[in-house]
N, C-alpha and C. Protein backbone atom coordinates (compact mmCIF):
# COMPACT_ATOMS: atom_id res chain seq x y z
N UNK A 1 6.78 14.72 15.60
CA UNK A 1 6.09 13.51 15.47
C UNK A 1 5.27 13.15 16.76
N UNK A 2 5.76 13.52 17.88
CA UNK A 2 4.98 13.29 19.14
C UNK A 2 3.79 14.15 19.20
N UNK A 3 3.93 15.43 18.74
CA UNK A 3 2.80 16.30 18.70
C UNK A 3 1.74 15.79 17.81
N UNK A 4 2.14 15.26 16.64
CA UNK A 4 1.22 14.69 15.63
C UNK A 4 0.39 13.66 16.28
N UNK A 5 1.06 12.66 16.96
CA UNK A 5 0.29 11.49 17.50
C UNK A 5 -0.61 11.86 18.66
N UNK A 6 -0.22 12.88 19.46
CA UNK A 6 -1.06 13.26 20.59
C UNK A 6 -2.21 14.16 20.12
N UNK A 7 -2.12 14.77 18.94
CA UNK A 7 -3.13 15.63 18.46
C UNK A 7 -4.33 14.79 17.99
N UNK A 8 -4.15 13.58 17.64
CA UNK A 8 -5.33 12.75 17.22
C UNK A 8 -6.22 12.42 18.43
N UNK A 9 -7.52 12.30 18.15
CA UNK A 9 -8.40 12.07 19.17
C UNK A 9 -8.69 10.59 19.25
N UNK A 10 -8.80 10.16 20.48
CA UNK A 10 -9.13 8.69 20.68
C UNK A 10 -10.63 8.44 20.64
N UNK A 11 -11.10 7.26 20.26
CA UNK A 11 -12.50 6.97 20.27
C UNK A 11 -13.03 7.02 21.67
N UNK A 12 -14.35 7.29 21.76
CA UNK A 12 -15.01 7.43 23.08
C UNK A 12 -14.66 6.19 23.90
N UNK A 13 -14.50 6.37 25.27
CA UNK A 13 -14.16 5.36 26.14
C UNK A 13 -12.69 4.99 26.18
N UNK A 14 -11.90 5.72 25.50
CA UNK A 14 -10.48 5.41 25.44
C UNK A 14 -9.85 6.73 25.96
N UNK A 15 -8.69 6.46 26.67
CA UNK A 15 -7.89 7.63 27.24
C UNK A 15 -7.53 8.58 26.07
N UNK A 16 -7.58 9.87 26.35
CA UNK A 16 -7.17 10.87 25.35
C UNK A 16 -5.62 10.88 25.23
N UNK A 17 -4.89 10.23 26.13
CA UNK A 17 -3.44 10.22 26.09
C UNK A 17 -2.93 9.20 25.05
N UNK A 18 -3.81 8.33 24.72
CA UNK A 18 -3.34 7.30 23.71
C UNK A 18 -3.83 7.66 22.31
N UNK A 19 -2.89 7.70 21.37
CA UNK A 19 -3.34 8.05 19.98
C UNK A 19 -4.33 7.04 19.45
N UNK A 20 -5.26 7.54 18.55
CA UNK A 20 -6.40 6.68 18.16
C UNK A 20 -5.89 5.52 17.30
N UNK A 21 -4.71 5.59 16.60
CA UNK A 21 -4.27 4.42 15.85
C UNK A 21 -3.89 3.30 16.66
N UNK A 22 -3.83 3.49 18.06
CA UNK A 22 -3.60 2.38 18.95
C UNK A 22 -4.82 1.70 19.52
N UNK A 23 -5.96 2.18 19.02
CA UNK A 23 -7.25 1.56 19.38
C UNK A 23 -7.52 0.33 18.56
N UNK A 24 -7.92 -0.75 19.15
CA UNK A 24 -8.30 -2.02 18.51
C UNK A 24 -9.75 -2.24 18.86
N UNK A 25 -10.59 -2.32 17.81
CA UNK A 25 -12.01 -2.59 18.07
C UNK A 25 -12.08 -4.08 18.49
N UNK A 26 -12.97 -4.41 19.46
CA UNK A 26 -13.11 -5.73 19.97
C UNK A 26 -13.47 -6.78 18.90
N UNK A 27 -14.03 -6.36 17.73
CA UNK A 27 -14.37 -7.29 16.69
C UNK A 27 -13.22 -7.54 15.73
N UNK A 28 -12.08 -6.97 15.86
CA UNK A 28 -11.04 -7.14 14.96
C UNK A 28 -10.57 -8.69 14.93
N UNK A 29 -10.37 -9.23 13.78
CA UNK A 29 -9.96 -10.64 13.71
C UNK A 29 -8.59 -10.77 13.14
N UNK A 30 -7.64 -11.31 13.92
CA UNK A 30 -6.21 -11.36 13.50
C UNK A 30 -6.03 -12.34 12.39
N UNK A 31 -6.89 -13.34 12.17
CA UNK A 31 -6.57 -14.34 11.19
C UNK A 31 -7.31 -14.15 9.89
N UNK A 32 -8.10 -13.08 9.73
CA UNK A 32 -8.90 -12.79 8.56
C UNK A 32 -7.96 -12.03 7.58
N UNK A 33 -7.94 -12.60 6.31
CA UNK A 33 -7.24 -11.79 5.30
C UNK A 33 -7.93 -10.49 4.99
N UNK A 34 -7.24 -9.41 4.96
CA UNK A 34 -7.86 -8.13 4.73
C UNK A 34 -8.24 -7.77 3.33
N UNK A 35 -7.54 -8.40 2.37
CA UNK A 35 -7.76 -8.08 0.94
C UNK A 35 -7.82 -9.35 0.16
N UNK A 36 -8.45 -9.22 -0.99
CA UNK A 36 -8.51 -10.39 -1.87
C UNK A 36 -8.28 -9.82 -3.29
N UNK A 37 -7.52 -10.45 -4.13
CA UNK A 37 -6.83 -11.72 -3.83
C UNK A 37 -5.53 -11.46 -2.97
N UNK A 38 -5.08 -12.63 -2.44
CA UNK A 38 -3.84 -12.55 -1.60
C UNK A 38 -2.63 -12.17 -2.46
N UNK A 39 -1.57 -11.64 -1.87
CA UNK A 39 -0.35 -11.33 -2.64
C UNK A 39 0.22 -12.56 -3.17
N UNK A 40 0.58 -12.56 -4.42
CA UNK A 40 1.30 -13.58 -5.14
C UNK A 40 2.51 -12.83 -5.81
N UNK A 41 3.22 -13.62 -6.63
CA UNK A 41 4.37 -13.02 -7.23
C UNK A 41 4.06 -12.03 -8.32
N UNK A 42 2.77 -11.93 -8.79
CA UNK A 42 2.51 -11.13 -9.92
C UNK A 42 1.57 -9.95 -9.69
N UNK A 43 1.02 -9.82 -8.44
CA UNK A 43 -0.02 -8.78 -8.19
C UNK A 43 0.45 -7.75 -7.05
N UNK A 44 1.73 -7.52 -6.87
CA UNK A 44 2.11 -6.63 -5.78
C UNK A 44 1.44 -5.23 -5.81
N UNK A 45 1.45 -4.63 -6.94
CA UNK A 45 0.99 -3.18 -7.02
C UNK A 45 -0.56 -3.05 -6.65
N UNK A 46 -1.34 -3.94 -7.18
CA UNK A 46 -2.77 -3.81 -6.83
C UNK A 46 -3.01 -4.37 -5.39
N UNK A 47 -2.28 -5.37 -4.97
CA UNK A 47 -2.36 -5.79 -3.58
C UNK A 47 -1.94 -4.76 -2.60
N UNK A 48 -0.81 -4.07 -2.75
CA UNK A 48 -0.36 -3.08 -1.85
C UNK A 48 -1.27 -1.86 -1.81
N UNK A 49 -1.85 -1.54 -2.90
CA UNK A 49 -2.80 -0.42 -2.95
C UNK A 49 -4.10 -0.79 -2.12
N UNK A 50 -4.62 -2.03 -2.34
CA UNK A 50 -5.77 -2.49 -1.62
C UNK A 50 -5.47 -2.58 -0.14
N UNK A 51 -4.20 -3.06 0.26
CA UNK A 51 -3.88 -3.26 1.59
C UNK A 51 -3.69 -1.96 2.30
N UNK A 52 -3.09 -0.98 1.57
CA UNK A 52 -2.93 0.39 2.18
C UNK A 52 -4.31 1.02 2.44
N UNK A 53 -5.16 0.92 1.49
CA UNK A 53 -6.51 1.49 1.65
C UNK A 53 -7.29 0.87 2.83
N UNK A 54 -7.17 -0.46 3.02
CA UNK A 54 -7.83 -1.16 4.08
C UNK A 54 -7.20 -0.84 5.46
N UNK A 55 -5.87 -0.80 5.51
CA UNK A 55 -5.25 -0.35 6.77
C UNK A 55 -5.58 1.02 7.14
N UNK A 56 -5.63 1.86 6.21
CA UNK A 56 -6.01 3.29 6.43
C UNK A 56 -7.48 3.34 7.02
N UNK A 57 -8.31 2.51 6.43
CA UNK A 57 -9.70 2.47 6.90
C UNK A 57 -9.77 1.96 8.32
N UNK A 58 -8.85 1.13 8.72
CA UNK A 58 -8.83 0.53 10.06
C UNK A 58 -7.96 1.43 11.00
N UNK A 59 -7.45 2.56 10.49
CA UNK A 59 -6.62 3.44 11.23
C UNK A 59 -5.36 2.85 11.75
N UNK A 60 -4.80 1.97 10.84
CA UNK A 60 -3.47 1.26 11.21
C UNK A 60 -2.46 1.46 10.23
N UNK A 61 -2.64 2.42 9.29
CA UNK A 61 -1.60 2.60 8.27
C UNK A 61 -0.25 3.18 8.87
N UNK A 62 -0.28 3.72 10.01
CA UNK A 62 0.91 4.24 10.67
C UNK A 62 2.00 3.07 10.94
N UNK A 63 1.48 1.88 11.01
CA UNK A 63 2.31 0.73 11.29
C UNK A 63 3.15 0.31 10.11
N UNK A 64 2.77 0.76 8.87
CA UNK A 64 3.53 0.36 7.74
C UNK A 64 4.15 1.61 7.06
N UNK A 65 3.98 2.80 7.69
CA UNK A 65 4.47 3.97 7.06
C UNK A 65 5.66 4.53 7.76
N UNK A 66 6.17 3.90 8.81
CA UNK A 66 7.36 4.34 9.58
C UNK A 66 7.13 5.67 10.22
N UNK A 67 5.87 6.01 10.58
CA UNK A 67 5.57 7.33 11.14
C UNK A 67 5.48 7.20 12.69
N UNK A 68 5.30 6.00 13.22
CA UNK A 68 5.16 5.83 14.66
C UNK A 68 5.96 4.61 15.09
N UNK A 69 7.26 4.69 15.37
CA UNK A 69 8.05 3.49 15.75
C UNK A 69 7.58 3.04 17.14
N UNK A 70 8.04 1.86 17.56
CA UNK A 70 7.64 1.30 18.85
C UNK A 70 8.17 2.27 19.91
N UNK A 71 7.24 2.61 20.93
CA UNK A 71 7.63 3.39 21.98
C UNK A 71 8.55 2.63 22.96
N UNK A 72 9.32 3.37 23.74
CA UNK A 72 10.19 2.64 24.81
C UNK A 72 9.28 1.94 25.72
N UNK A 73 9.87 0.94 26.41
CA UNK A 73 9.06 -0.04 27.24
C UNK A 73 8.47 0.77 28.49
N UNK A 74 9.06 1.94 28.84
CA UNK A 74 8.53 2.67 29.93
C UNK A 74 7.42 3.72 29.52
N UNK A 75 7.28 3.73 28.24
CA UNK A 75 6.13 4.65 27.67
C UNK A 75 4.80 3.99 27.92
N UNK A 76 3.82 4.71 28.40
CA UNK A 76 2.49 4.12 28.65
C UNK A 76 1.77 3.52 27.42
N UNK A 77 2.17 3.87 26.24
CA UNK A 77 1.56 3.43 25.08
C UNK A 77 2.33 2.19 24.46
N UNK A 78 3.32 1.74 25.10
CA UNK A 78 4.19 0.65 24.59
C UNK A 78 3.30 -0.64 24.31
N UNK A 79 2.67 -1.05 25.27
CA UNK A 79 1.95 -2.34 25.14
C UNK A 79 0.73 -2.22 24.17
N UNK A 80 0.14 -1.05 24.15
CA UNK A 80 -0.93 -0.87 23.12
C UNK A 80 -0.33 -0.84 21.75
N UNK A 81 0.85 -0.25 21.55
CA UNK A 81 1.53 -0.22 20.21
C UNK A 81 1.85 -1.75 19.90
N UNK A 82 2.44 -2.49 20.78
CA UNK A 82 2.89 -3.87 20.48
C UNK A 82 1.60 -4.70 20.10
N UNK A 83 0.51 -4.51 20.86
CA UNK A 83 -0.74 -5.20 20.46
C UNK A 83 -1.24 -4.88 19.07
N UNK A 84 -1.27 -3.58 18.72
CA UNK A 84 -1.71 -3.22 17.40
C UNK A 84 -0.75 -3.68 16.29
N UNK A 85 0.54 -3.57 16.58
CA UNK A 85 1.57 -4.03 15.58
C UNK A 85 1.35 -5.48 15.31
N UNK A 86 1.15 -6.29 16.39
CA UNK A 86 0.90 -7.73 16.25
C UNK A 86 -0.30 -8.01 15.41
N UNK A 87 -1.40 -7.13 15.55
CA UNK A 87 -2.54 -7.36 14.73
C UNK A 87 -2.28 -7.06 13.27
N UNK A 88 -1.46 -6.04 13.03
CA UNK A 88 -1.13 -5.68 11.62
C UNK A 88 -0.31 -6.72 11.03
N UNK A 89 0.72 -7.27 11.82
CA UNK A 89 1.56 -8.40 11.35
C UNK A 89 0.66 -9.58 10.99
N UNK A 90 -0.27 -9.93 11.80
CA UNK A 90 -1.19 -11.03 11.54
C UNK A 90 -1.96 -10.73 10.26
N UNK A 91 -2.50 -9.57 10.13
CA UNK A 91 -3.23 -9.24 8.91
C UNK A 91 -2.37 -9.46 7.68
N UNK A 92 -1.13 -8.93 7.74
CA UNK A 92 -0.25 -9.05 6.57
C UNK A 92 0.09 -10.56 6.25
N UNK A 93 0.37 -11.28 7.31
CA UNK A 93 0.74 -12.66 7.11
C UNK A 93 -0.38 -13.43 6.47
N UNK A 94 -1.64 -13.10 6.82
CA UNK A 94 -2.81 -13.87 6.43
C UNK A 94 -3.33 -13.25 5.02
N UNK A 95 -2.65 -12.22 4.50
CA UNK A 95 -3.07 -11.69 3.25
C UNK A 95 -2.11 -11.88 2.12
N UNK A 96 -1.24 -12.91 2.34
CA UNK A 96 -0.31 -13.34 1.33
C UNK A 96 -0.42 -14.75 0.98
N UNK A 97 0.00 -15.21 -0.19
CA UNK A 97 -0.07 -16.65 -0.52
C UNK A 97 0.85 -17.38 0.40
N UNK A 98 0.62 -18.73 0.39
CA UNK A 98 1.36 -19.59 1.40
C UNK A 98 2.91 -19.57 1.15
N UNK A 99 3.38 -19.62 -0.04
CA UNK A 99 4.84 -19.58 -0.25
C UNK A 99 5.51 -18.18 0.34
N UNK A 100 4.79 -17.10 0.13
CA UNK A 100 5.24 -15.86 0.59
C UNK A 100 5.11 -15.86 2.15
N UNK A 101 4.09 -16.37 2.62
CA UNK A 101 3.84 -16.41 4.12
C UNK A 101 4.99 -17.06 4.90
N UNK A 102 5.50 -18.19 4.30
CA UNK A 102 6.61 -18.82 4.89
C UNK A 102 7.83 -17.98 5.07
N UNK A 103 8.08 -17.00 4.18
CA UNK A 103 9.21 -16.14 4.27
C UNK A 103 9.10 -14.91 5.14
N UNK A 104 7.85 -14.66 5.68
CA UNK A 104 7.72 -13.48 6.57
C UNK A 104 7.16 -13.89 7.96
N UNK A 105 6.79 -15.18 8.14
CA UNK A 105 6.17 -15.65 9.37
C UNK A 105 6.98 -15.31 10.65
N UNK A 106 8.27 -15.26 10.53
CA UNK A 106 9.13 -15.04 11.78
C UNK A 106 9.39 -13.55 12.00
N UNK A 107 9.00 -12.69 11.17
CA UNK A 107 9.17 -11.29 11.31
C UNK A 107 8.11 -10.71 12.34
N UNK A 108 8.60 -9.85 13.23
CA UNK A 108 7.76 -9.36 14.28
C UNK A 108 7.21 -7.90 14.19
N UNK A 109 7.83 -7.14 13.25
CA UNK A 109 7.41 -5.76 13.02
C UNK A 109 6.74 -5.58 11.73
N UNK A 110 5.48 -4.96 11.71
CA UNK A 110 4.79 -4.77 10.56
C UNK A 110 5.46 -4.05 9.50
N UNK A 111 6.15 -2.96 9.81
CA UNK A 111 6.93 -2.15 8.93
C UNK A 111 7.97 -3.01 8.24
N UNK A 112 8.66 -3.82 8.97
CA UNK A 112 9.70 -4.76 8.36
C UNK A 112 9.12 -5.63 7.27
N UNK A 113 7.94 -6.19 7.58
CA UNK A 113 7.29 -7.05 6.66
C UNK A 113 6.91 -6.29 5.45
N UNK A 114 6.28 -5.09 5.57
CA UNK A 114 5.87 -4.24 4.56
C UNK A 114 7.05 -3.97 3.60
N UNK A 115 8.13 -3.47 4.18
CA UNK A 115 9.38 -3.12 3.41
C UNK A 115 9.93 -4.33 2.71
N UNK A 116 9.98 -5.41 3.38
CA UNK A 116 10.44 -6.64 2.75
C UNK A 116 9.66 -7.05 1.48
N UNK A 117 8.39 -7.03 1.63
CA UNK A 117 7.51 -7.35 0.46
C UNK A 117 7.68 -6.34 -0.68
N UNK A 118 7.78 -5.09 -0.30
CA UNK A 118 7.92 -4.00 -1.25
C UNK A 118 9.29 -4.19 -2.07
N UNK A 119 10.34 -4.51 -1.33
CA UNK A 119 11.63 -4.64 -1.97
C UNK A 119 11.57 -5.84 -2.97
N UNK A 120 10.93 -6.93 -2.54
CA UNK A 120 10.89 -8.16 -3.32
C UNK A 120 9.89 -8.07 -4.54
N UNK A 121 8.78 -7.39 -4.38
CA UNK A 121 7.80 -7.52 -5.40
C UNK A 121 7.42 -6.23 -6.14
N UNK A 122 7.98 -5.08 -5.70
CA UNK A 122 7.54 -3.90 -6.38
C UNK A 122 8.41 -3.53 -7.57
N UNK A 123 9.50 -4.22 -7.77
CA UNK A 123 10.45 -3.90 -8.86
C UNK A 123 9.73 -3.96 -10.22
N UNK A 124 10.00 -2.97 -11.05
CA UNK A 124 9.35 -2.93 -12.38
C UNK A 124 9.77 -4.25 -13.14
N UNK A 125 8.86 -4.87 -13.65
CA UNK A 125 9.06 -6.10 -14.42
C UNK A 125 8.92 -5.79 -15.89
N UNK A 126 10.03 -5.82 -16.61
CA UNK A 126 10.03 -5.33 -18.05
C UNK A 126 9.20 -6.19 -18.84
N UNK A 127 9.18 -7.50 -18.62
CA UNK A 127 8.36 -8.30 -19.46
C UNK A 127 6.86 -8.01 -19.15
N UNK A 128 6.50 -7.76 -17.96
CA UNK A 128 5.15 -7.42 -17.63
C UNK A 128 4.70 -6.11 -18.32
N UNK A 129 5.59 -5.19 -18.27
CA UNK A 129 5.40 -3.87 -18.93
C UNK A 129 5.20 -4.07 -20.38
N UNK A 130 5.97 -4.89 -21.05
CA UNK A 130 5.91 -5.21 -22.44
C UNK A 130 4.59 -5.86 -22.72
N UNK A 131 4.24 -6.82 -21.96
CA UNK A 131 2.93 -7.55 -22.10
C UNK A 131 1.73 -6.61 -21.93
N UNK A 132 1.77 -5.63 -21.08
CA UNK A 132 0.74 -4.72 -20.85
C UNK A 132 0.66 -3.77 -22.07
N UNK A 133 1.75 -3.28 -22.53
CA UNK A 133 1.75 -2.42 -23.73
C UNK A 133 1.24 -3.10 -24.95
N UNK A 134 1.64 -4.38 -25.14
CA UNK A 134 0.97 -5.18 -26.19
C UNK A 134 -0.46 -5.38 -26.10
N UNK A 135 -0.92 -5.63 -24.81
CA UNK A 135 -2.35 -5.86 -24.56
C UNK A 135 -3.14 -4.60 -24.83
N UNK A 136 -2.67 -3.44 -24.45
CA UNK A 136 -3.40 -2.19 -24.72
C UNK A 136 -3.38 -1.85 -26.22
N UNK A 137 -2.33 -2.18 -26.84
CA UNK A 137 -2.26 -1.89 -28.29
C UNK A 137 -3.11 -2.75 -29.10
N UNK A 138 -3.33 -3.97 -28.73
CA UNK A 138 -4.12 -4.90 -29.47
C UNK A 138 -5.53 -4.94 -29.06
N UNK A 139 -5.94 -4.21 -27.95
CA UNK A 139 -7.29 -4.26 -27.45
C UNK A 139 -8.27 -3.60 -28.43
N UNK A 140 -9.33 -4.20 -28.71
CA UNK A 140 -10.36 -3.72 -29.65
C UNK A 140 -11.69 -3.77 -28.96
N UNK A 141 -12.55 -2.75 -29.28
CA UNK A 141 -13.85 -2.62 -28.60
C UNK A 141 -14.76 -3.77 -28.90
N UNK A 142 -14.78 -4.19 -30.17
CA UNK A 142 -15.68 -5.33 -30.51
C UNK A 142 -17.09 -5.13 -30.02
N UNK A 143 -17.60 -6.14 -29.29
CA UNK A 143 -18.89 -6.06 -28.81
C UNK A 143 -19.05 -5.33 -27.46
N UNK A 144 -17.96 -4.80 -26.95
CA UNK A 144 -17.95 -4.15 -25.71
C UNK A 144 -18.66 -2.72 -25.80
N UNK A 145 -19.33 -2.27 -24.77
CA UNK A 145 -19.87 -0.92 -24.76
C UNK A 145 -18.63 0.03 -24.55
N UNK A 146 -18.82 1.20 -24.76
CA UNK A 146 -17.76 2.19 -24.65
C UNK A 146 -17.19 2.19 -23.26
N UNK A 147 -18.17 2.10 -22.29
CA UNK A 147 -17.76 2.13 -20.85
C UNK A 147 -16.88 0.85 -20.57
N UNK A 148 -17.42 -0.25 -21.05
CA UNK A 148 -16.66 -1.53 -20.73
C UNK A 148 -15.25 -1.47 -21.35
N UNK A 149 -15.18 -1.01 -22.61
CA UNK A 149 -13.91 -0.85 -23.34
C UNK A 149 -12.93 0.10 -22.61
N UNK A 150 -13.47 1.24 -22.28
CA UNK A 150 -12.63 2.26 -21.48
C UNK A 150 -12.17 1.67 -20.16
N UNK A 151 -13.10 0.95 -19.51
CA UNK A 151 -12.66 0.41 -18.18
C UNK A 151 -11.54 -0.61 -18.33
N UNK A 152 -11.54 -1.44 -19.43
CA UNK A 152 -10.49 -2.44 -19.66
C UNK A 152 -9.18 -1.68 -19.89
N UNK A 153 -9.28 -0.60 -20.73
CA UNK A 153 -8.13 0.14 -21.06
C UNK A 153 -7.46 0.85 -19.77
N UNK A 154 -8.38 1.45 -19.05
CA UNK A 154 -7.95 2.18 -17.80
C UNK A 154 -7.21 1.26 -16.84
N UNK A 155 -7.72 0.00 -16.68
CA UNK A 155 -7.06 -0.94 -15.78
C UNK A 155 -5.59 -1.23 -16.28
N UNK A 156 -5.40 -1.34 -17.45
CA UNK A 156 -4.13 -1.54 -18.06
C UNK A 156 -3.23 -0.31 -17.90
N UNK A 157 -3.84 0.87 -18.18
CA UNK A 157 -3.08 2.09 -18.04
C UNK A 157 -2.68 2.27 -16.54
N UNK A 158 -3.60 2.04 -15.60
CA UNK A 158 -3.27 2.20 -14.19
C UNK A 158 -2.09 1.30 -13.74
N UNK A 159 -2.21 0.08 -14.27
CA UNK A 159 -1.01 -0.87 -13.94
C UNK A 159 0.26 -0.41 -14.48
N UNK A 160 0.25 0.04 -15.77
CA UNK A 160 1.47 0.60 -16.31
C UNK A 160 2.00 1.77 -15.61
N UNK A 161 1.08 2.58 -15.16
CA UNK A 161 1.46 3.83 -14.29
C UNK A 161 2.07 3.36 -13.02
N UNK A 162 1.68 2.27 -12.41
CA UNK A 162 2.36 1.76 -11.20
C UNK A 162 3.75 1.29 -11.46
N UNK A 163 3.96 0.70 -12.60
CA UNK A 163 5.31 0.22 -12.99
C UNK A 163 6.23 1.35 -13.46
N UNK A 164 5.54 2.39 -14.03
CA UNK A 164 6.40 3.45 -14.54
C UNK A 164 5.78 4.85 -14.26
N UNK A 165 5.86 5.22 -12.95
CA UNK A 165 5.24 6.53 -12.58
C UNK A 165 6.04 7.72 -13.24
N UNK A 166 5.52 8.84 -13.44
CA UNK A 166 6.20 9.99 -13.90
C UNK A 166 7.27 10.31 -12.95
N UNK A 167 8.50 10.69 -13.48
CA UNK A 167 9.58 11.08 -12.65
C UNK A 167 9.22 12.41 -11.96
N UNK A 168 9.76 12.62 -10.75
CA UNK A 168 9.51 13.83 -9.98
C UNK A 168 10.82 14.49 -9.85
N UNK A 169 10.81 15.88 -10.07
CA UNK A 169 12.09 16.67 -10.08
C UNK A 169 12.39 16.80 -8.52
N UNK A 170 13.64 16.54 -8.24
CA UNK A 170 14.17 16.65 -6.86
C UNK A 170 15.20 17.74 -6.74
N UNK A 171 15.32 18.61 -7.78
CA UNK A 171 16.35 19.64 -7.77
C UNK A 171 16.11 20.66 -6.67
N UNK A 172 17.12 21.13 -6.11
CA UNK A 172 16.91 22.20 -5.04
C UNK A 172 16.24 23.44 -5.53
N UNK A 173 16.55 23.79 -6.78
CA UNK A 173 15.93 24.96 -7.37
C UNK A 173 14.76 24.38 -8.27
N UNK A 174 13.63 25.00 -8.14
CA UNK A 174 12.46 24.40 -8.92
C UNK A 174 12.73 24.60 -10.43
N UNK A 175 12.52 23.54 -11.16
CA UNK A 175 12.74 23.55 -12.56
C UNK A 175 11.70 24.34 -13.31
N UNK A 176 12.01 24.99 -14.35
CA UNK A 176 11.14 25.75 -15.21
C UNK A 176 11.00 25.13 -16.61
N UNK A 177 11.59 23.91 -16.76
CA UNK A 177 11.49 23.33 -18.08
C UNK A 177 10.21 22.58 -18.30
N UNK A 178 9.94 22.14 -19.45
CA UNK A 178 8.70 21.56 -19.79
C UNK A 178 8.71 20.06 -19.82
N UNK A 179 9.81 19.45 -19.27
CA UNK A 179 9.86 17.93 -19.28
C UNK A 179 8.65 17.26 -18.60
N UNK A 180 8.35 17.65 -17.38
CA UNK A 180 7.18 16.97 -16.77
C UNK A 180 5.84 17.06 -17.54
N UNK A 181 5.58 18.18 -18.16
CA UNK A 181 4.36 18.30 -18.96
C UNK A 181 4.43 17.63 -20.23
N UNK A 182 5.72 17.43 -20.76
CA UNK A 182 5.88 16.72 -22.00
C UNK A 182 5.66 15.20 -21.76
N UNK A 183 6.11 14.75 -20.66
CA UNK A 183 5.95 13.33 -20.20
C UNK A 183 4.47 13.05 -20.06
N UNK A 184 3.79 13.91 -19.34
CA UNK A 184 2.36 13.74 -19.20
C UNK A 184 1.62 13.75 -20.49
N UNK A 185 1.99 14.61 -21.39
CA UNK A 185 1.36 14.68 -22.69
C UNK A 185 1.55 13.46 -23.49
N UNK A 186 2.73 12.85 -23.44
CA UNK A 186 3.04 11.64 -24.18
C UNK A 186 2.22 10.46 -23.69
N UNK A 187 2.08 10.42 -22.36
CA UNK A 187 1.31 9.34 -21.72
C UNK A 187 -0.18 9.48 -22.13
N UNK A 188 -0.62 10.71 -22.14
CA UNK A 188 -2.05 11.01 -22.48
C UNK A 188 -2.20 10.60 -23.99
N UNK A 189 -1.26 10.82 -24.86
CA UNK A 189 -1.28 10.60 -26.31
C UNK A 189 -1.32 9.02 -26.46
N UNK A 190 -0.44 8.40 -25.68
CA UNK A 190 -0.40 6.87 -25.80
C UNK A 190 -1.81 6.36 -25.44
């Protein structure tokens, strides 16, 4: 892990001893929401995907991926890590609805906030899955172009996939059965 973080190159004007994910651009705004719409009780999957993409673009995804914990206080990168973590905390706090914000405002570590939100909001909602299945089954092209119709269906399929991803085999010995391909084929047929 230490080798991985030191192998990254810092932006020009920054010490090469400091990993690039610890760089904060002077124009970063701690109170600006990073994604829209804000997280509410019904949009976790699309919100988390947007937030992950945005944090990756800002080179701060390490703070929510548990890949670079806070360095010890005697580490030269400690204060840079704290500063960047605080920025990510602020972004997360300002990218959620007010009721949710009140439940995370006192949390200091971005990873803790991310995990808390994931535990609370990522659980598969059976009624939402049922509604999505009903919506896709009753969707008709009508006056929509083929592209518009396919886009509507794809949005629903993608949300269903987030609620019910294909299971992944974790057996020590690689499986040779056809279950994964059968599951994929059934989803394709649906």
